[in-house]
């Protein structure tokens, strides 16, 4: 076990080409999907904030339920849409980076909407009314409201990134774990471990753990600045 650990460290420090390719693909997919989820999530959360009501409460319950769903269930649903017999089959997205990004965007979206809406709900209730009274344009109101809760919004985006960088179900089902194309850190760990190649699995696990620790540190730093 010690020799495997030392070999894993050596692979990381020497910037092994395979390790770098897998890690960079994972980070790239996660960043792009988080960006898409951020654009959609910020707009949706702000819309719910400005128009509260029964429909908004029902939607939030649905979103909170989606947050607890296993990633493999979401992957299975999207797979049925993208497969050859599915409605989106002619697009040819299955087993491509686009499929992974789509799946990860759907994974990150509920957590971003819920957390951003929670952050906005904690603002002074009179703020939205004041902005509307002064007839400030809608897009400018959107930016002003988000700016007031910017640290919590940042934490929501980081949490969304954390949700997708460590998932395996969506990436495996929609990407197919194709080498140098759709292979991510988590799918590579699963593959290499099943083959008995513990060195590469350990190296990738260390990288993923470092990313997770970084995400946690950013979230705690943001919460600390609010206090």
Protein backbone atom coordinates (compact mmCIF):
# COMPACT_ATOMS: atom_id res chain seq x y z
CA UNK A 1 0.00 0.00 0.00
CA UNK A 2 2.86 2.38 0.87
CA UNK A 3 4.51 1.77 -2.49
CA UNK A 4 1.23 2.54 -4.28
CA UNK A 5 0.92 5.77 -2.27
CA UNK A 6 4.46 6.87 -3.12
CA UNK A 7 3.89 6.00 -6.78
CA UNK A 8 0.67 8.05 -6.75
CA UNK A 9 2.53 11.04 -5.31
CA UNK A 10 5.25 10.62 -7.92
CA UNK A 11 2.64 10.64 -10.71
CA UNK A 12 1.17 13.90 -9.40
CA UNK A 13 4.50 15.66 -8.85
CA UNK A 14 5.82 14.59 -12.26
CA UNK A 15 2.65 15.87 -13.93
CA UNK A 16 1.87 12.51 -15.50
CA UNK A 17 0.21 13.22 -18.88
CA UNK A 18 -2.73 10.87 -18.26
CA UNK A 19 -3.41 12.33 -14.81
CA UNK A 20 -3.23 15.90 -16.12
CA UNK A 21 -5.57 15.11 -19.03
CA UNK A 22 -8.18 13.49 -16.79
CA UNK A 23 -8.03 16.19 -14.11
CA UNK A 24 -8.18 19.05 -16.61
CA UNK A 25 -11.16 17.47 -18.38
CA UNK A 26 -13.01 17.10 -15.06
CA UNK A 27 -12.36 20.69 -14.06
CA UNK A 28 -13.29 21.98 -17.52
CA UNK A 29 -16.59 20.09 -17.61
CA UNK A 30 -17.43 21.19 -14.05
CA UNK A 31 -16.60 24.86 -14.71
CA UNK A 32 -18.66 25.03 -17.90
CA UNK A 33 -21.65 23.28 -16.34
CA UNK A 34 -21.44 25.49 -13.24
CA UNK A 35 -21.38 28.57 -15.49
CA UNK A 36 -24.53 27.44 -17.33
CA UNK A 37 -26.23 26.53 -14.05
CA UNK A 38 -25.22 29.91 -12.60
CA UNK A 39 -26.80 31.88 -15.44
CA UNK A 40 -30.05 29.90 -15.22
CA UNK A 41 -30.03 29.60 -11.43
CA UNK A 42 -29.40 33.27 -10.67
CA UNK A 43 -32.18 34.32 -13.03
CA UNK A 44 -34.60 31.75 -11.57
CA UNK A 45 -33.78 32.52 -7.93
CA UNK A 46 -34.14 36.27 -8.48
CA UNK A 47 -37.44 35.73 -10.28
CA UNK A 48 -38.74 33.69 -7.34
CA UNK A 49 -37.57 36.41 -4.95
CA UNK A 50 -39.41 39.18 -6.79
CA UNK A 51 -42.54 37.06 -7.30
CA UNK A 52 -43.11 35.01 -4.14
CA UNK A 53 -46.24 32.92 -3.82
CA UNK A 54 -47.60 29.40 -3.73
CA UNK A 55 -46.08 28.47 -7.09
CA UNK A 56 -42.66 29.60 -5.88
CA UNK A 57 -42.98 27.52 -2.70
CA UNK A 58 -43.98 24.43 -4.67
CA UNK A 59 -41.04 24.90 -7.04
CA UNK A 60 -38.63 25.20 -4.12
CA UNK A 61 -39.96 21.96 -2.63
CA UNK A 62 -39.37 20.23 -5.98
CA UNK A 63 -35.85 21.67 -6.22
CA UNK A 64 -34.99 20.57 -2.68
CA UNK A 65 -36.20 17.07 -3.57
CA UNK A 66 -33.99 17.02 -6.68
CA UNK A 67 -30.97 17.94 -4.56
CA UNK A 68 -31.26 14.66 -2.67
CA UNK A 69 -31.68 12.44 -5.74
CA UNK A 70 -28.74 10.11 -6.51
CA UNK A 71 -26.79 11.29 -9.53
CA UNK A 72 -27.29 7.94 -11.24
CA UNK A 73 -31.07 8.52 -11.26
CA UNK A 74 -30.66 11.90 -12.94
CA UNK A 75 -28.15 10.33 -15.34
CA UNK A 76 -30.64 7.60 -16.21
CA UNK A 77 -33.36 10.15 -16.96
CA UNK A 78 -31.10 12.22 -19.23
CA UNK A 79 -29.76 9.04 -20.86
CA UNK A 80 -33.33 8.12 -21.86
CA UNK A 81 -33.66 11.52 -23.54
CA UNK A 82 -30.32 11.35 -25.38
CA UNK A 83 -30.34 7.69 -26.42
CA UNK A 84 -31.05 6.78 -30.04
CA UNK A 85 -34.68 5.98 -29.24
CA UNK A 86 -35.09 9.13 -27.13
CA UNK A 87 -36.51 12.47 -28.28
CA UNK A 88 -33.04 14.06 -28.40
CA UNK A 89 -31.34 11.03 -29.96
CA UNK A 90 -30.90 12.63 -33.42
CA UNK A 91 -28.68 15.29 -31.85
CA UNK A 92 -25.96 12.68 -31.25
CA UNK A 93 -25.00 14.05 -27.84
CA UNK A 94 -24.72 10.78 -25.94
CA UNK A 95 -21.17 9.82 -24.90
CA UNK A 96 -19.83 13.30 -25.62
CA UNK A 97 -18.56 16.10 -23.37
CA UNK A 98 -21.77 18.02 -24.20
CA UNK A 99 -23.83 15.23 -22.59
CA UNK A 100 -21.75 15.37 -19.42
CA UNK A 101 -22.04 19.16 -19.26
CA UNK A 102 -25.81 18.95 -19.75
CA UNK A 103 -26.14 16.39 -16.97
CA UNK A 104 -23.89 18.30 -14.60
CA UNK A 105 -25.75 21.54 -15.30
CA UNK A 106 -29.01 19.86 -14.28
CA UNK A 107 -27.26 18.52 -11.16
CA UNK A 108 -25.95 21.92 -10.09
CA UNK A 109 -29.09 23.91 -10.94
CA UNK A 110 -31.29 22.95 -7.95
CA UNK A 111 -28.62 23.65 -5.36
CA UNK A 112 -27.74 27.02 -6.89
CA UNK A 113 -31.38 28.13 -7.14
CA UNK A 114 -32.19 27.02 -3.59
CA UNK A 115 -29.09 28.56 -2.01
CA UNK A 116 -29.32 31.84 -3.92
CA UNK A 117 -33.03 32.15 -3.14
CA UNK A 118 -32.24 31.51 0.54
CA UNK A 119 -29.57 34.22 0.42
CA UNK A 120 -31.95 36.73 -1.17
CA UNK A 121 -34.72 35.87 1.29
CA UNK A 122 -32.39 36.92 4.09
CA UNK A 123 -32.11 40.47 2.74
CA UNK A 124 -34.12 43.40 4.03
CA UNK A 125 -37.69 42.84 2.72
CA UNK A 126 -38.05 46.54 1.93
CA UNK A 127 -35.16 46.45 -0.55
CA UNK A 128 -37.17 44.93 -3.40
CA UNK A 129 -40.07 47.31 -2.76
CA UNK A 130 -37.72 50.32 -2.74
CA UNK A 131 -36.12 49.33 -6.04
CA UNK A 132 -39.54 48.88 -7.61
CA UNK A 133 -40.79 52.20 -6.23
CA UNK A 134 -37.95 54.09 -7.87
CA UNK A 135 -38.76 52.37 -11.18
CA UNK A 136 -35.24 51.01 -11.57
CA UNK A 137 -34.94 48.87 -14.74
CA UNK A 138 -35.44 45.15 -14.17
CA UNK A 139 -31.92 44.08 -15.16
CA UNK A 140 -30.36 46.71 -12.91
CA UNK A 141 -32.58 45.59 -10.05
CA UNK A 142 -31.37 42.04 -10.71
CA UNK A 143 -27.72 43.14 -10.41
CA UNK A 144 -28.31 45.28 -7.31
CA UNK A 145 -30.11 42.50 -5.48
CA UNK A 146 -27.39 39.95 -6.29
CA UNK A 147 -24.71 42.41 -5.22
CA UNK A 148 -26.34 42.74 -1.81
CA UNK A 149 -26.00 38.99 -1.29
CA UNK A 150 -22.78 38.51 -3.27
CA UNK A 151 -20.92 36.40 -0.69
CA UNK A 152 -23.82 33.97 -0.30
CA UNK A 153 -24.20 33.88 -4.07
CA UNK A 154 -20.52 33.02 -4.42
CA UNK A 155 -20.93 30.24 -1.86
CA UNK A 156 -23.89 28.88 -3.85
CA UNK A 157 -21.83 28.80 -7.05
CA UNK A 158 -18.93 27.10 -5.28
CA UNK A 159 -21.36 24.55 -3.81
CA UNK A 160 -22.74 23.90 -7.30
CA UNK A 161 -19.21 23.31 -8.59
CA UNK A 162 -18.53 20.96 -5.67
CA UNK A 163 -21.70 19.03 -6.48
CA UNK A 164 -20.60 18.24 -10.03
CA UNK A 165 -16.82 17.85 -9.71
CA UNK A 166 -17.22 14.83 -7.42
CA UNK A 167 -20.18 13.08 -9.07
CA UNK A 168 -19.77 9.81 -10.94
CA UNK A 169 -23.22 8.62 -12.06
CA UNK A 170 -23.91 11.29 -14.67
CA UNK A 171 -20.38 11.26 -16.08
CA UNK A 172 -20.30 7.48 -16.38
CA UNK A 173 -23.75 7.08 -17.94
CA UNK A 174 -23.68 10.07 -20.28
CA UNK A 175 -19.97 10.25 -21.10
CA UNK A 176 -19.15 6.58 -21.42
CA UNK A 177 -15.72 7.01 -19.74
CA UNK A 178 -13.94 7.35 -23.11
CA UNK A 179 -10.20 7.89 -22.73
CA UNK A 180 -8.93 11.38 -23.67
CA UNK A 181 -12.49 12.45 -24.46
CA UNK A 182 -15.05 12.01 -21.68
CA UNK A 183 -13.05 10.37 -18.89
CA UNK A 184 -13.25 12.32 -15.62
CA UNK A 185 -11.54 11.93 -12.25
CA UNK A 186 -14.37 9.93 -10.70
CA UNK A 187 -14.97 7.63 -13.65
CA UNK A 188 -11.23 7.03 -14.00
CA UNK A 189 -10.98 6.14 -10.28
CA UNK A 190 -13.79 3.63 -10.68
CA UNK A 191 -12.18 2.11 -13.77
CA UNK A 192 -8.59 1.94 -12.50
CA UNK A 193 -9.63 0.53 -9.12
CA UNK A 194 -11.66 -2.22 -10.81
CA UNK A 195 -8.56 -3.07 -12.89
CA UNK A 196 -6.35 -3.17 -9.81
CA UNK A 197 -4.39 -0.07 -10.89
CA UNK A 198 -4.44 1.55 -7.46
CA UNK A 199 -1.61 4.03 -8.15
CA UNK A 200 -3.54 6.09 -10.69
CA UNK A 201 -6.73 5.79 -8.65
CA UNK A 202 -4.92 7.09 -5.57
CA UNK A 203 -3.34 9.95 -7.49
CA UNK A 204 -6.70 11.05 -8.88
CA UNK A 205 -8.30 10.62 -5.45
CA UNK A 206 -5.69 12.95 -3.93
CA UNK A 207 -6.39 15.55 -6.60
CA UNK A 208 -10.14 15.30 -6.00
CA UNK A 209 -9.62 15.55 -2.25
CA UNK A 210 -7.49 18.67 -2.73
CA UNK A 211 -10.21 20.26 -4.88
CA UNK A 212 -12.85 19.36 -2.27
CA UNK A 213 -10.76 20.87 0.53
CA UNK A 214 -10.31 24.02 -1.55
CA UNK A 215 -14.06 24.28 -2.10
CA UNK A 216 -14.72 23.85 1.63
CA UNK A 217 -12.10 26.49 2.47
CA UNK A 218 -13.68 29.00 0.09
CA UNK A 219 -17.15 28.39 1.55
CA UNK A 220 -15.93 28.79 5.14
CA UNK A 221 -13.98 31.92 4.22
CA UNK A 222 -17.11 33.42 2.64
CA UNK A 223 -19.26 32.57 5.67
CA UNK A 224 -16.56 33.96 7.98
CA UNK A 225 -16.55 37.31 6.18
CA UNK A 226 -20.31 37.62 6.65
CA UNK A 227 -20.10 37.29 10.42
